[in-house]
Amino acid sequence: MDKSKAANIAREYFDFVRQNNVNVKKGYIFGSVAKGTANEDSDIDLAIIFNELDDTFDMQVKLMKLRRRFDTRIEPHPFRASDFQTSNPLANEIMKTGVELPLPG
């Protein structure tokens, strides 16, 4: 799967997530799609950052349910904005190698 196709799927998913009253601050495609090494069977790793988030596990479940109705290649990874810092190794890698997605206005 090429990066532009994955970005389009991600943008549509973000719009879908927002329509379901999930407050998304920003998002990044990361992993093989962002690095340009994805193939047709690759998933679309998405970091989804929220201003406030009480329980990342509950949000993970909600996002996984939403993706089933949309595109099951999406692998959402929720983060609290306060946790999405360079001191977090995964967040740091996403910021360095990921592709930030503009959210629909």
C-alpha atoms as a PDB file:
ATOM      1  CA  MET A   1       0.000   0.000   0.000  1.00  0.00           C
ATOM      2  CA  ASP A   2       1.464   3.356  -0.934  1.00  0.00           C
ATOM      3  CA  LYS A   3       1.717   6.295   1.438  1.00  0.00           C
ATOM      4  CA  SER A   4      -0.888   8.461  -0.312  1.00  0.00           C
ATOM      5  CA  LYS A   5      -3.507   5.692  -0.290  1.00  0.00           C
ATOM      6  CA  ALA A   6      -2.844   5.062   3.413  1.00  0.00           C
ATOM      7  CA  ALA A   7      -3.007   8.800   4.143  1.00  0.00           C
ATOM      8  CA  ASN A   8      -6.389   9.019   2.426  1.00  0.00           C
ATOM      9  CA  ILE A   9      -7.695   6.068   4.447  1.00  0.00           C
ATOM     10  CA  ALA A  10      -6.328   7.651   7.638  1.00  0.00           C
ATOM     11  CA  ARG A  11      -7.932  11.028   6.888  1.00  0.00           C
ATOM     12  CA  GLU A  12     -11.287   9.367   6.251  1.00  0.00           C
ATOM     13  CA  TYR A  13     -10.943   7.393   9.487  1.00  0.00           C
ATOM     14  CA  PHE A  14     -10.104  10.540  11.483  1.00  0.00           C
ATOM     15  CA  ASP A  15     -13.194  12.221  10.056  1.00  0.00           C
ATOM     16  CA  PHE A  16     -15.219   9.129  10.952  1.00  0.00           C
ATOM     17  CA  VAL A  17     -13.777   9.118  14.497  1.00  0.00           C
ATOM     18  CA  ARG A  18     -14.618  12.797  14.951  1.00  0.00           C
ATOM     19  CA  GLN A  19     -18.178  12.210  13.736  1.00  0.00           C
ATOM     20  CA  ASN A  20     -18.509   9.760  16.614  1.00  0.00           C
ATOM     21  CA  ASN A  21     -17.690  12.490  19.146  1.00  0.00           C
ATOM     22  CA  VAL A  22     -14.163  11.377  19.810  1.00  0.00           C
ATOM     23  CA  ASN A  23     -12.041  14.493  20.309  1.00  0.00           C
ATOM     24  CA  VAL A  24      -8.871  13.964  18.269  1.00  0.00           C
ATOM     25  CA  LYS A  25      -6.084  16.524  18.709  1.00  0.00           C
ATOM     26  CA  LYS A  26      -3.716  15.201  16.033  1.00  0.00           C
ATOM     27  CA  GLY A  27      -2.672  12.045  14.294  1.00  0.00           C
ATOM     28  CA  TYR A  28       0.345  10.426  12.678  1.00  0.00           C
ATOM     29  CA  ILE A  29       0.803   7.554  10.281  1.00  0.00           C
ATOM     30  CA  PHE A  30       3.861   5.608  11.398  1.00  0.00           C
ATOM     31  CA  GLY A  31       5.539   2.267  10.854  1.00  0.00           C
ATOM     32  CA  SER A  32       6.025   0.642   7.459  1.00  0.00           C
ATOM     33  CA  VAL A  33       3.638   2.962   5.618  1.00  0.00           C
ATOM     34  CA  ALA A  34       5.470   6.085   6.809  1.00  0.00           C
ATOM     35  CA  LYS A  35       8.858   4.501   6.069  1.00  0.00           C
ATOM     36  CA  GLY A  36       7.797   3.472   2.565  1.00  0.00           C
ATOM     37  CA  THR A  37       8.326  -0.256   3.178  1.00  0.00           C
ATOM     38  CA  ALA A  38       4.663  -1.311   3.349  1.00  0.00           C
ATOM     39  CA  ASN A  39       3.206  -3.968   1.091  1.00  0.00           C
ATOM     40  CA  GLU A  40      -0.410  -4.712   0.171  1.00  0.00           C
ATOM     41  CA  ASP A  41      -0.906  -6.725   3.393  1.00  0.00           C
ATOM     42  CA  SER A  42       0.511  -4.043   5.692  1.00  0.00           C
ATOM     43  CA  ASP A  43      -1.605  -2.427   8.347  1.00  0.00           C
ATOM     44  CA  ILE A  44      -1.901   1.323   8.789  1.00  0.00           C
ATOM     45  CA  ASP A  45      -0.393   2.257  12.154  1.00  0.00           C
ATOM     46  CA  LEU A  46      -1.986   5.442  13.457  1.00  0.00           C
ATOM     47  CA  ALA A  47      -1.002   7.369  16.541  1.00  0.00           C
ATOM     48  CA  ILE A  48      -4.058   9.290  17.698  1.00  0.00           C
ATOM     49  CA  ILE A  49      -3.393  12.010  20.251  1.00  0.00           C
ATOM     50  CA  PHE A  50      -6.136  13.303  22.545  1.00  0.00           C
ATOM     51  CA  ASN A  51      -6.141  16.456  24.677  1.00  0.00           C
ATOM     52  CA  GLU A  52      -7.619  14.515  27.574  1.00  0.00           C
ATOM     53  CA  LEU A  53      -8.009  10.795  27.909  1.00  0.00           C
ATOM     54  CA  ASP A  54      -9.018   8.978  31.086  1.00  0.00           C
ATOM     55  CA  ASP A  55      -8.320   5.413  29.996  1.00  0.00           C
ATOM     56  CA  THR A  56      -6.158   4.530  26.998  1.00  0.00           C
ATOM     57  CA  PHE A  57      -7.312   0.903  27.052  1.00  0.00           C
ATOM     58  CA  ASP A  58     -10.992   1.850  26.835  1.00  0.00           C
ATOM     59  CA  MET A  59     -10.203   4.264  24.018  1.00  0.00           C
ATOM     60  CA  GLN A  60      -8.214   1.547  22.230  1.00  0.00           C
ATOM     61  CA  VAL A  61     -11.282  -0.713  22.360  1.00  0.00           C
ATOM     62  CA  LYS A  62     -13.551   2.059  21.082  1.00  0.00           C
ATOM     63  CA  LEU A  63     -11.185   2.909  18.220  1.00  0.00           C
ATOM     64  CA  MET A  64     -10.863  -0.754  17.250  1.00  0.00           C
ATOM     65  CA  LYS A  65     -14.641  -1.073  17.123  1.00  0.00           C
ATOM     66  CA  LEU A  66     -14.884   2.022  14.929  1.00  0.00           C
ATOM     67  CA  ARG A  67     -12.267   0.737  12.534  1.00  0.00           C
ATOM     68  CA  ARG A  68     -14.213  -2.505  12.010  1.00  0.00           C
ATOM     69  CA  ARG A  69     -16.978  -0.415  10.496  1.00  0.00           C
ATOM     70  CA  PHE A  70     -14.485   1.419   8.325  1.00  0.00           C
ATOM     71  CA  ASP A  71     -11.199  -0.300   7.418  1.00  0.00           C
ATOM     72  CA  THR A  72      -9.707  -3.171   9.408  1.00  0.00           C
ATOM     73  CA  ARG A  73      -6.155  -2.435   8.242  1.00  0.00           C
ATOM     74  CA  ILE A  74      -6.119   0.532  10.604  1.00  0.00           C
ATOM     75  CA  GLU A  75      -4.221  -0.091  13.851  1.00  0.00           C
ATOM     76  CA  PRO A  76      -5.059   2.834  16.143  1.00  0.00           C
ATOM     77  CA  HIS A  77      -2.712   3.684  19.014  1.00  0.00           C
ATOM     78  CA  PRO A  78      -4.229   6.284  21.389  1.00  0.00           C
ATOM     79  CA  PHE A  79      -2.035   8.671  23.378  1.00  0.00           C
ATOM     80  CA  ARG A  80      -2.743  11.389  25.907  1.00  0.00           C
ATOM     81  CA  ALA A  81      -1.225  14.662  24.722  1.00  0.00           C
ATOM     82  CA  SER A  82       0.688  14.824  28.010  1.00  0.00           C
ATOM     83  CA  ASP A  83       2.249  11.409  27.259  1.00  0.00           C
ATOM     84  CA  PHE A  84       3.111  12.167  23.639  1.00  0.00           C
ATOM     85  CA  GLN A  85       6.533  13.646  24.418  1.00  0.00           C
ATOM     86  CA  THR A  86      10.078  13.030  23.212  1.00  0.00           C
ATOM     87  CA  SER A  87      10.806  11.352  26.563  1.00  0.00           C
ATOM     88  CA  ASN A  88       8.441   8.524  25.529  1.00  0.00           C
ATOM     89  CA  PRO A  89      10.486   6.269  23.186  1.00  0.00           C
ATOM     90  CA  LEU A  90       7.532   5.260  20.985  1.00  0.00           C
ATOM     91  CA  ALA A  91       6.191   8.811  20.760  1.00  0.00           C
ATOM     92  CA  ASN A  92       9.689  10.080  19.961  1.00  0.00           C
ATOM     93  CA  GLU A  93      10.040   7.563  17.109  1.00  0.00           C
ATOM     94  CA  ILE A  94       6.603   8.493  15.769  1.00  0.00           C
ATOM     95  CA  MET A  95       7.490  12.200  15.822  1.00  0.00           C
ATOM     96  CA  LYS A  96      10.779  11.518  14.012  1.00  0.00           C
ATOM     97  CA  THR A  97       9.635   9.056  11.339  1.00  0.00           C
ATOM     98  CA  GLY A  98       5.855   9.437  11.221  1.00  0.00           C
ATOM     99  CA  VAL A  99       3.763  11.564   8.910  1.00  0.00           C
ATOM    100  CA  GLU A 100       1.486  14.025  10.686  1.00  0.00           C
ATOM    101  CA  LEU A 101      -2.006  14.087   9.247  1.00  0.00           C
ATOM    102  CA  PRO A 102      -4.001  17.283   9.000  1.00  0.00           C
ATOM    103  CA  LEU A 103      -7.388  16.691  10.537  1.00  0.00           C
ATOM    104  CA  PRO A 104     -10.539  17.754   8.720  1.00  0.00           C
ATOM    105  CA  GLY A 105     -11.694  21.230   9.652  1.00  0.00           C
END
